């Protein structure tokens, strides 16, 4: 089998309203798996890190001499794919062009209709990418035997294979993400998912999938949960610490604490290993699965930041959205966590279909009377591939027809799925911010517990904008 030169790029640009940049863990995992199975040379690029233009990105692929080019993107950046694919085809006419990532998982083969790419992997990419490369290296472009992918045959016709892309059932079988393919220290100079700037850290994903069915959420990894073993998690932390001299880790799982016993085992193994850690959980912990024992163990292991998701204070909407959060437990655990001097954030959402003013006020009241240091009041946004999108498409197709995801970067989209006037919904979002943050006691607690309190003044301009006239960020993911 000939050696393949594989170029992988994470698509999107960094903006003032959405400055987050994190290492492309999905691509690094695919790279680690593929190079363990096949003779490949791999280059991984994150467009957001340098805010590369499309031509600059394609030039990197050309200079690398890529045989295969893969682009991964969120829905918010997918508008760039047609031009990127066209420019790549012009510059590398013989290259195989692949599409993947959350947007591909959401719309599947439809993404090929708008581009000149050759195939799309809609979901978990390790095994499917390996199978595509094996078939291509064998001299053919017939991908009919790979479940779940979409591709173009020799006649240019779009083919959607039945099934779903193969999953890795035992995540311990995948090598550690190929961090060596990126310049990790460069990410320490930009904003990560956690609200902490310029720190030496590494991100991890220690599980895939989620058994819950929240209507706004993606289905990239399915609705069953698979987890790295506690030993493998600690091994990964230890190796990152040894390689990069870091002790700060950011866990980006969809549901890290789904199995409380596993959390306790990880914390116990860390204690025995002597690996010193500081841990942030910006993507959120499932609050009603926590307990005093689990919280104590995580704090002892170095947890200094976490987020919990209320989303809505309405019991009716909790059922409608399938979140089904035990709100009293969330509030009690938040109070206990903040008593441990852990910087704690709350996720809320406003603008669900059928949501009333009374239900919005209920969410605001719960948030403002809670112990959280910070809170985010997101705009409910229906992304393709989610149950929420299907509901809105069925009940209010005109709202879907008028939506644009072009480079919205999870902020700045005015979407209103309620029956309330736009002005009323966005008034409540601004009111929520003012009521929550303009509380002297909360400000004092925030300054006392924030990991970098000297940077808090930098947040004031965007707070003033959003609290007076701005548009609140979107929530939902695809």
Protein backbone atom coordinates (compact mmCIF):
# COMPACT_ATOMS: atom_id res chain seq x y z
CA UNK A 1 0.00 0.00 0.00
CA UNK A 2 1.45 3.37 -0.99
CA UNK A 3 2.13 6.01 1.65
CA UNK A 4 -0.64 8.61 1.86
CA UNK A 5 -0.19 12.29 2.61
CA UNK A 6 -3.29 13.30 4.62
CA UNK A 7 -4.13 16.96 5.27
CA UNK A 8 -6.79 17.61 7.94
CA UNK A 9 -8.19 21.06 8.72
CA UNK A 10 -10.66 22.42 11.25
CA UNK A 11 -12.70 25.17 9.55
CA UNK A 12 -13.80 28.50 11.00
CA UNK A 13 -12.44 31.92 11.89
CA UNK A 14 -12.04 33.63 15.23
CA UNK A 15 -14.18 36.70 15.87
CA UNK A 16 -14.44 39.34 18.58
CA UNK A 17 -17.76 37.95 19.74
CA UNK A 18 -16.61 34.32 19.62
CA UNK A 19 -12.87 34.27 20.37
CA UNK A 20 -12.61 30.68 21.62
CA UNK A 21 -9.93 28.48 20.07
CA UNK A 22 -9.32 24.93 21.21
CA UNK A 23 -7.18 22.15 19.76
CA UNK A 24 -9.13 20.08 17.18
CA UNK A 25 -9.44 16.94 19.30
CA UNK A 26 -11.64 15.14 16.77
CA UNK A 27 -9.05 15.47 14.02
CA UNK A 28 -6.23 14.60 16.40
CA UNK A 29 -8.05 11.41 17.37
CA UNK A 30 -8.65 10.46 13.73
CA UNK A 31 -4.99 11.16 12.97
CA UNK A 32 -3.82 8.99 15.87
CA UNK A 33 -6.05 6.09 14.79
CA UNK A 34 -5.22 6.27 11.09
CA UNK A 35 -1.46 6.46 11.51
CA UNK A 36 -1.57 3.42 13.79
CA UNK A 37 -3.31 1.47 11.03
CA UNK A 38 -1.94 2.78 7.72
CA UNK A 39 1.25 4.21 6.20
CA UNK A 40 0.43 7.93 6.31
CA UNK A 41 2.03 11.30 6.76
CA UNK A 42 -0.42 13.71 8.39
CA UNK A 43 -0.69 17.47 8.78
CA UNK A 44 -3.35 18.99 11.06
CA UNK A 45 -4.32 22.67 10.80
CA UNK A 46 -6.78 24.75 12.81
CA UNK A 47 -7.98 27.66 10.69
CA UNK A 48 -9.24 29.52 13.77
CA UNK A 49 -5.83 29.61 15.41
CA UNK A 50 -4.28 31.85 12.74
CA UNK A 51 -7.51 33.09 11.10
CA UNK A 52 -6.22 31.79 7.78
CA UNK A 53 -8.01 32.75 4.60
CA UNK A 54 -9.33 29.91 2.45
CA UNK A 55 -6.53 30.46 -0.06
CA UNK A 56 -3.90 30.36 2.69
CA UNK A 57 -5.41 27.11 3.97
CA UNK A 58 -5.38 25.54 0.51
CA UNK A 59 -1.80 26.72 0.00
CA UNK A 60 -0.76 24.78 3.10
CA UNK A 61 -2.35 21.64 1.65
CA UNK A 62 -0.55 22.19 -1.66
CA UNK A 63 2.81 22.79 0.03
CA UNK A 64 2.27 19.62 2.05
CA UNK A 65 1.66 17.70 -1.16
CA UNK A 66 -1.64 16.31 0.08
CA UNK A 67 -3.14 13.22 -1.54
CA UNK A 68 -6.23 13.43 0.67
CA UNK A 69 -7.72 16.60 2.15
CA UNK A 70 -10.28 16.49 4.97
CA UNK A 71 -12.29 19.47 6.24
CA UNK A 72 -14.19 19.41 9.54
CA UNK A 73 -16.66 22.13 10.52
CA UNK A 74 -19.55 23.19 12.71
CA UNK A 75 -22.74 24.34 10.99
CA UNK A 76 -21.73 27.93 11.77
CA UNK A 77 -18.65 27.60 9.56
CA UNK A 78 -20.12 25.31 6.87
CA UNK A 79 -20.79 28.23 4.52
CA UNK A 80 -17.04 28.20 3.79
CA UNK A 81 -16.98 24.60 2.55
CA UNK A 82 -18.11 25.11 -1.09
CA UNK A 83 -15.37 27.64 -1.82
CA UNK A 84 -12.74 25.64 0.07
CA UNK A 85 -13.60 22.48 -1.83
CA UNK A 86 -13.57 24.35 -5.16
CA UNK A 87 -10.19 25.96 -4.44
CA UNK A 88 -8.75 22.65 -3.26
CA UNK A 89 -9.99 20.88 -6.40
CA UNK A 90 -8.40 23.55 -8.59
CA UNK A 91 -5.08 23.39 -6.75
CA UNK A 92 -5.00 19.61 -6.19
CA UNK A 93 -7.10 18.09 -9.00
CA UNK A 94 -6.14 14.49 -8.13
CA UNK A 95 -6.70 14.79 -4.38
CA UNK A 96 -9.53 13.03 -2.56
CA UNK A 97 -11.62 15.64 -0.69
CA UNK A 98 -13.45 14.53 2.46
CA UNK A 99 -15.89 16.40 4.70
CA UNK A 100 -16.64 15.61 8.33
CA UNK A 101 -17.33 17.10 11.74
CA UNK A 102 -20.56 18.17 13.47
CA UNK A 103 -22.14 19.75 10.39
CA UNK A 104 -21.58 16.64 8.31
CA UNK A 105 -23.11 14.57 11.10
CA UNK A 106 -26.17 16.84 11.06
CA UNK A 107 -26.94 17.05 7.34
CA UNK A 108 -25.16 13.92 6.07
CA UNK A 109 -25.08 13.66 2.28
CA UNK A 110 -26.74 17.03 1.75
CA UNK A 111 -23.40 18.73 2.38
CA UNK A 112 -22.05 17.11 -0.81
CA UNK A 113 -24.78 18.69 -2.92
CA UNK A 114 -23.35 22.14 -2.24
CA UNK A 115 -19.70 21.22 -2.79
CA UNK A 116 -17.44 19.34 -5.17
CA UNK A 117 -16.10 17.11 -2.37
CA UNK A 118 -15.83 13.36 -2.93
CA UNK A 119 -17.21 11.91 0.31
CA UNK A 120 -18.62 12.84 3.70
CA UNK A 121 -18.25 11.01 7.01
CA UNK A 122 -21.32 11.89 9.10
CA UNK A 123 -20.35 11.04 12.66
CA UNK A 124 -17.49 9.31 14.41
CA UNK A 125 -14.63 9.37 11.96
CA UNK A 126 -11.81 7.04 12.96
CA UNK A 127 -12.86 3.73 11.41
CA UNK A 128 -14.74 5.22 8.44
CA UNK A 129 -11.75 7.39 7.50
CA UNK A 130 -9.46 4.39 7.73
CA UNK A 131 -11.76 2.40 5.41
CA UNK A 132 -11.97 5.26 2.90
CA UNK A 133 -8.20 5.61 2.80
CA UNK A 134 -7.73 1.88 2.36
CA UNK A 135 -10.17 1.81 -0.57
CA UNK A 136 -8.65 4.91 -2.16
CA UNK A 137 -5.06 3.68 -1.77
CA UNK A 138 -6.10 0.48 -3.53
CA UNK A 139 -6.70 2.50 -6.66
CA UNK A 140 -10.46 2.89 -6.56
CA UNK A 141 -13.09 5.41 -5.49
CA UNK A 142 -15.86 2.91 -4.81
CA UNK A 143 -16.85 3.45 -1.19
CA UNK A 144 -20.06 1.46 -1.33
CA UNK A 145 -18.98 -0.94 1.41
CA UNK A 146 -18.53 1.72 4.12
CA UNK A 147 -21.69 2.06 6.24
CA UNK A 148 -23.26 5.48 6.70
CA UNK A 149 -21.04 7.61 4.48
CA UNK A 150 -22.13 9.60 1.43
CA UNK A 151 -19.96 9.73 -1.69
CA UNK A 152 -19.86 10.43 -5.42
CA UNK A 153 -19.51 7.55 -7.83
CA UNK A 154 -17.59 7.68 -11.12
CA UNK A 155 -20.61 9.25 -12.81
CA UNK A 156 -20.71 12.06 -10.25
CA UNK A 157 -23.91 10.73 -8.73
CA UNK A 158 -24.49 11.14 -4.99
CA UNK A 159 -24.68 7.82 -3.13
CA UNK A 160 -25.86 7.54 0.47
CA UNK A 161 -24.78 4.26 2.03
CA UNK A 162 -27.23 2.73 4.53
CA UNK A 163 -26.42 2.45 8.21
CA UNK A 164 -24.17 4.60 10.38
CA UNK A 165 -20.38 4.93 10.31
CA UNK A 166 -18.69 2.29 12.48
CA UNK A 167 -18.19 3.24 16.12
CA UNK A 168 -15.22 2.35 18.29
CA UNK A 169 -16.93 0.44 21.07
CA UNK A 170 -13.91 0.38 23.39
CA UNK A 171 -12.42 3.88 23.43
CA UNK A 172 -9.26 2.54 25.06
CA UNK A 173 -8.48 0.98 21.66
CA UNK A 174 -7.92 4.44 20.13
CA UNK A 175 -4.42 5.85 20.69
CA UNK A 176 -4.08 9.14 22.55
CA UNK A 177 -4.92 12.14 20.35
CA UNK A 178 -1.95 13.09 18.18
CA UNK A 179 -1.02 16.24 20.10
CA UNK A 180 2.42 16.05 18.47
CA UNK A 181 0.82 17.15 15.19
CA UNK A 182 -0.04 20.60 16.58
CA UNK A 183 1.88 23.28 18.43
CA UNK A 184 0.00 22.95 21.73
CA UNK A 185 1.80 25.87 23.47
CA UNK A 186 0.36 28.24 20.84
CA UNK A 187 -3.12 27.49 22.20
CA UNK A 188 -2.03 28.74 25.62
CA UNK A 189 -2.01 32.29 24.25
CA UNK A 190 -5.67 32.37 23.20
CA UNK A 191 -9.05 31.94 24.89
CA UNK A 192 -10.04 28.34 25.59
CA UNK A 193 -13.49 26.97 26.47
CA UNK A 194 -12.91 27.65 30.16
CA UNK A 195 -13.16 31.35 31.11
CA UNK A 196 -9.44 31.54 31.80
CA UNK A 197 -6.91 33.26 29.53
CA UNK A 198 -3.32 32.44 28.72
CA UNK A 199 -2.69 29.31 30.75
CA UNK A 200 -0.72 26.13 30.13
CA UNK A 201 -3.39 23.49 29.62
CA UNK A 202 -4.55 20.57 27.51
CA UNK A 203 -8.13 19.61 26.59
CA UNK A 204 -9.46 16.06 26.82
CA UNK A 205 -12.57 14.15 25.84
CA UNK A 206 -12.86 11.03 27.97
CA UNK A 207 -16.26 9.79 26.78
CA UNK A 208 -18.50 9.81 23.72
CA UNK A 209 -22.25 9.91 23.43
CA UNK A 210 -24.97 10.74 25.92
CA UNK A 211 -28.03 8.69 26.90
CA UNK A 212 -30.20 11.77 27.37
CA UNK A 213 -32.36 13.16 24.57
CA UNK A 214 -32.31 16.96 24.98
CA UNK A 215 -34.00 18.23 21.86
CA UNK A 216 -31.40 20.87 20.97
CA UNK A 217 -28.39 18.54 21.11
CA UNK A 218 -26.39 16.81 18.39
CA UNK A 219 -26.19 13.08 17.68
CA UNK A 220 -22.58 12.89 16.55
CA UNK A 221 -21.63 9.99 18.81
CA UNK A 222 -25.04 8.40 19.29
CA UNK A 223 -27.26 8.20 22.34
CA UNK A 224 -25.36 5.49 24.19
CA UNK A 225 -22.33 6.46 26.21
CA UNK A 226 -18.85 4.99 25.82
CA UNK A 227 -16.05 5.92 28.18
CA UNK A 228 -12.32 5.69 28.53
CA UNK A 229 -11.39 3.52 31.49
CA UNK A 230 -10.23 5.38 34.62
CA UNK A 231 -6.73 3.97 34.11
CA UNK A 232 -6.56 5.27 30.55
CA UNK A 233 -7.74 8.75 31.64
CA UNK A 234 -5.00 8.98 34.27
CA UNK A 235 -2.45 7.62 31.79
CA UNK A 236 -3.39 10.37 29.34
CA UNK A 237 -3.11 13.06 32.00
CA UNK A 238 0.26 11.74 33.13
CA UNK A 239 1.62 11.61 29.59
CA UNK A 240 0.48 15.14 28.81
CA UNK A 241 2.01 16.37 32.04
CA UNK A 242 5.31 14.66 31.29
CA UNK A 243 5.42 15.82 27.65
CA UNK A 244 4.32 19.43 28.11
CA UNK A 245 5.00 20.12 31.79
CA UNK A 246 1.36 21.02 32.47
CA UNK A 247 -1.06 20.27 35.27
CA UNK A 248 -4.14 22.16 34.02
CA UNK A 249 -6.69 20.09 32.09
CA UNK A 250 -9.97 20.98 30.43
CA UNK A 251 -12.55 18.17 30.19
CA UNK A 252 -14.86 18.63 27.20
CA UNK A 253 -17.12 15.57 27.58
CA UNK A 254 -20.84 15.88 26.93
CA UNK A 255 -21.53 13.98 30.16
CA UNK A 256 -18.32 13.41 32.15
CA UNK A 257 -20.05 12.37 35.38
CA UNK A 258 -22.71 10.03 33.96
CA UNK A 259 -21.15 7.17 35.95
CA UNK A 260 -20.29 8.60 39.38
CA UNK A 261 -18.31 5.48 40.32
CA UNK A 262 -15.98 6.10 37.37
CA UNK A 263 -15.39 9.69 38.53
CA UNK A 264 -14.46 8.43 41.99
CA UNK A 265 -12.09 5.85 40.49
CA UNK A 266 -10.36 8.49 38.36
CA UNK A 267 -9.89 10.75 41.38
CA UNK A 268 -8.57 7.86 43.49
CA UNK A 269 -6.12 6.77 40.78
CA UNK A 270 -4.89 10.35 40.44
CA UNK A 271 -4.20 10.47 44.15
CA UNK A 272 -2.24 7.20 44.01
CA UNK A 273 -0.34 8.17 40.86
CA UNK A 274 1.01 11.41 42.24
CA UNK A 275 -0.12 13.30 39.13
CA UNK A 276 -1.00 16.82 40.24
CA UNK A 277 -3.94 18.31 38.39
CA UNK A 278 -6.10 21.37 38.08
CA UNK A 279 -9.35 20.54 36.32
CA UNK A 280 -11.96 22.63 34.51
CA UNK A 281 -15.30 21.36 33.20
CA UNK A 282 -16.53 24.19 30.92
CA UNK A 283 -18.80 21.97 28.83
CA UNK A 284 -20.92 21.14 31.84
CA UNK A 285 -21.55 18.43 34.39
CA UNK A 286 -24.96 16.76 34.79
CA UNK A 287 -25.96 18.42 38.06
CA UNK A 288 -28.51 15.93 39.35
CA UNK A 289 -26.03 13.04 38.99
CA UNK A 290 -23.61 14.71 41.39
CA UNK A 291 -23.35 13.95 45.10
CA UNK A 292 -21.39 15.35 48.01
CA UNK A 293 -18.95 12.44 47.74
CA UNK A 294 -18.32 13.02 44.03
CA UNK A 295 -17.97 16.77 44.45
CA UNK A 296 -15.50 16.33 47.32
CA UNK A 297 -13.44 13.88 45.25
CA UNK A 298 -13.34 16.22 42.24
CA UNK A 299 -12.37 19.21 44.37
CA UNK A 300 -9.63 17.16 46.04
CA UNK A 301 -8.40 16.19 42.56
CA UNK A 302 -8.11 19.86 41.58
CA UNK A 303 -11.45 20.99 40.15
CA UNK A 304 -11.39 24.79 40.08
CA UNK A 305 -14.08 25.54 37.48
CA UNK A 306 -17.27 23.86 36.30
CA UNK A 307 -20.54 24.60 34.54
CA UNK A 308 -23.96 23.18 35.31
CA UNK A 309 -26.94 23.35 32.95
CA UNK A 310 -30.38 24.41 34.10
CA UNK A 311 -31.50 25.54 30.63
CA UNK A 312 -35.07 26.31 31.75
CA UNK A 313 -36.70 26.81 35.13
CA UNK A 314 -40.07 25.65 33.82
CA UNK A 315 -41.05 22.08 34.83
CA UNK A 316 -43.24 21.90 31.72
CA UNK A 317 -40.38 22.85 29.42
CA UNK A 318 -38.02 20.49 31.25
CA UNK A 319 -40.31 17.68 30.07
CA UNK A 320 -40.93 19.19 26.62
CA UNK A 321 -37.20 19.50 25.93
CA UNK A 322 -36.37 16.09 27.48
CA UNK A 323 -33.79 17.72 29.76
CA UNK A 324 -35.75 16.57 32.84
CA UNK A 325 -33.33 18.18 35.27
CA UNK A 326 -33.98 17.84 39.02
CA UNK A 327 -33.82 21.58 39.70
CA UNK A 328 -33.69 21.40 43.53
CA UNK A 329 -30.69 19.06 43.27
CA UNK A 330 -28.98 21.39 40.80
CA UNK A 331 -29.36 24.36 43.15
CA UNK A 332 -28.23 22.39 46.21
CA UNK A 333 -25.16 21.02 44.45
CA UNK A 334 -24.31 24.47 43.09
CA UNK A 335 -24.39 25.90 46.60
CA UNK A 336 -22.13 23.13 47.86
CA UNK A 337 -19.67 23.45 44.96
CA UNK A 338 -19.39 27.23 45.33
CA UNK A 339 -18.82 26.79 49.07
CA UNK A 340 -15.64 24.93 48.04
CA UNK A 341 -14.41 28.06 46.23
CA UNK A 342 -14.90 26.44 42.82
CA UNK A 343 -15.73 29.00 40.13
CA UNK A 344 -19.16 27.84 38.94
CA UNK A 345 -21.18 28.83 35.87
CA UNK A 346 -24.85 28.25 35.00
CA UNK A 347 -26.22 27.59 31.50
CA UNK A 348 -29.73 28.90 30.75
CA UNK A 349 -31.70 29.06 27.52
CA UNK A 350 -34.53 31.34 26.45
CA UNK A 351 -36.84 31.18 23.48
CA UNK A 352 -38.17 27.62 23.34
CA UNK A 353 -41.23 26.96 21.16
CA UNK A 354 -44.39 27.60 23.25
CA UNK A 355 -42.36 29.27 26.06
CA UNK A 356 -44.35 31.94 27.90
CA UNK A 357 -43.30 35.12 29.66
CA UNK A 358 -44.07 33.50 32.99
CA UNK A 359 -41.72 30.60 32.18
CA UNK A 360 -38.96 32.98 31.11
CA UNK A 361 -39.33 34.88 34.39
CA UNK A 362 -39.18 31.56 36.24
CA UNK A 363 -35.79 30.80 34.66
CA UNK A 364 -34.51 34.29 35.49
CA UNK A 365 -35.68 34.07 39.11
CA UNK A 366 -34.06 30.69 39.68
CA UNK A 367 -30.76 31.89 38.20
CA UNK A 368 -30.72 35.18 40.09
CA UNK A 369 -31.50 33.53 43.43
CA UNK A 370 -28.86 30.82 42.97
CA UNK A 371 -25.31 30.53 44.29
CA UNK A 372 -23.65 30.54 40.87
CA UNK A 373 -20.83 32.98 40.20
CA UNK A 374 -21.77 33.49 36.55
CA UNK A 375 -24.64 32.63 34.23
CA UNK A 376 -25.14 32.53 30.48
CA UNK A 377 -28.59 33.23 29.02
CA UNK A 378 -28.46 31.74 25.54
CA UNK A 379 -30.85 32.07 22.63
CA UNK A 380 -32.48 28.75 21.73
CA UNK A 381 -31.34 27.94 18.19
CA UNK A 382 -32.50 24.98 16.08
CA UNK A 383 -29.51 23.40 14.37
CA UNK A 384 -29.95 20.84 11.59
CA UNK A 385 -29.93 17.25 12.74
CA UNK A 386 -31.57 17.96 16.10
CA UNK A 387 -35.05 17.12 17.33
CA UNK A 388 -35.61 20.83 17.97
CA UNK A 389 -34.97 21.57 14.30
CA UNK A 390 -37.52 18.94 13.31
CA UNK A 391 -40.11 20.37 15.71
CA UNK A 392 -39.71 23.90 14.37
CA UNK A 393 -39.67 22.66 10.78
CA UNK A 394 -42.97 20.89 11.43
CA UNK A 395 -44.75 23.59 13.43
CA UNK A 396 -43.17 26.82 12.17
CA UNK A 397 -41.44 26.17 8.83
CA UNK A 398 -41.35 29.92 8.15
CA UNK A 399 -38.90 30.36 11.04
CA UNK A 400 -36.55 27.77 9.55
CA UNK A 401 -36.86 29.26 6.08
CA UNK A 402 -35.70 32.65 7.33
CA UNK A 403 -32.71 31.36 9.28
CA UNK A 404 -29.11 31.81 8.21
CA UNK A 405 -26.20 30.13 9.93
CA UNK A 406 -23.55 31.94 7.89
CA UNK A 407 -20.63 32.57 10.19
CA UNK A 408 -22.90 33.25 13.18
CA UNK A 409 -20.28 31.65 15.46
CA UNK A 410 -22.88 30.94 18.15
CA UNK A 411 -23.42 34.64 18.77
CA UNK A 412 -25.37 37.42 17.17
CA UNK A 413 -28.28 35.43 15.76
CA UNK A 414 -31.73 36.89 16.27
CA UNK A 415 -33.96 33.85 16.31
CA UNK A 416 -37.25 33.70 18.19
CA UNK A 417 -39.07 30.38 18.37
CA UNK A 418 -41.70 31.62 20.83
CA UNK A 419 -45.01 33.32 20.13
CA UNK A 420 -43.75 36.45 21.88
CA UNK A 421 -42.68 39.54 19.94
CA UNK A 422 -38.95 39.64 19.27
CA UNK A 423 -38.55 42.77 21.34
CA UNK A 424 -40.09 41.07 24.35
CA UNK A 425 -37.89 37.97 24.23
CA UNK A 426 -34.67 39.92 23.83
CA UNK A 427 -35.76 42.35 26.55
CA UNK A 428 -35.94 39.44 28.96
CA UNK A 429 -32.47 38.26 28.00
CA UNK A 430 -31.01 41.68 28.71
CA UNK A 431 -33.01 41.90 31.94
CA UNK A 432 -31.64 38.53 33.05
CA UNK A 433 -28.06 39.71 32.61
CA UNK A 434 -28.66 42.94 34.51
CA UNK A 435 -30.46 41.25 37.40
CA UNK A 436 -27.92 38.45 37.69
CA UNK A 437 -24.72 40.45 37.54
CA UNK A 438 -25.69 43.77 39.09
CA UNK A 439 -25.73 42.20 42.52
CA UNK A 440 -22.97 43.51 44.82
CA UNK A 441 -22.76 40.25 46.76
CA UNK A 442 -22.39 38.22 43.58
CA UNK A 443 -19.76 40.58 42.23
CA UNK A 444 -17.78 40.20 45.47
CA UNK A 445 -18.00 36.41 45.33
CA UNK A 446 -17.07 36.42 41.65
CA UNK A 447 -13.93 38.46 42.27
CA UNK A 448 -12.99 36.21 45.19
CA UNK A 449 -13.36 32.92 43.25
CA UNK A 450 -12.47 33.74 39.63
CA UNK A 451 -9.20 32.02 38.62
CA UNK A 452 -7.95 35.28 37.07
CA UNK A 453 -9.84 38.15 38.76
CA UNK A 454 -7.50 40.79 37.30
CA UNK A 455 -8.97 40.05 33.87
CA UNK A 456 -12.59 40.66 34.86
CA UNK A 457 -12.59 44.30 33.64
CA UNK A 458 -12.06 42.94 30.11
CA UNK A 459 -15.55 41.43 30.25
CA UNK A 460 -17.26 44.73 31.12
CA UNK A 461 -17.68 46.10 27.55
CA UNK A 462 -19.32 42.96 26.20
CA UNK A 463 -21.52 42.72 29.31
CA UNK A 464 -22.69 46.30 28.82
CA UNK A 465 -23.40 45.66 25.15
CA UNK A 466 -25.40 42.49 25.78
CA UNK A 467 -27.19 43.85 28.82
CA UNK A 468 -28.40 46.98 27.06
CA UNK A 469 -28.81 46.37 23.33
CA UNK A 470 -26.92 43.28 22.24
CA UNK A 471 -28.03 39.91 20.94
CA UNK A 472 -27.39 36.97 23.21
CA UNK A 473 -25.44 33.93 21.97
CA UNK A 474 -27.10 30.87 20.50
CA UNK A 475 -27.23 27.54 22.26
CA UNK A 476 -27.55 24.17 20.61
CA UNK A 477 -24.93 22.42 18.54
CA UNK A 478 -24.48 20.85 15.16
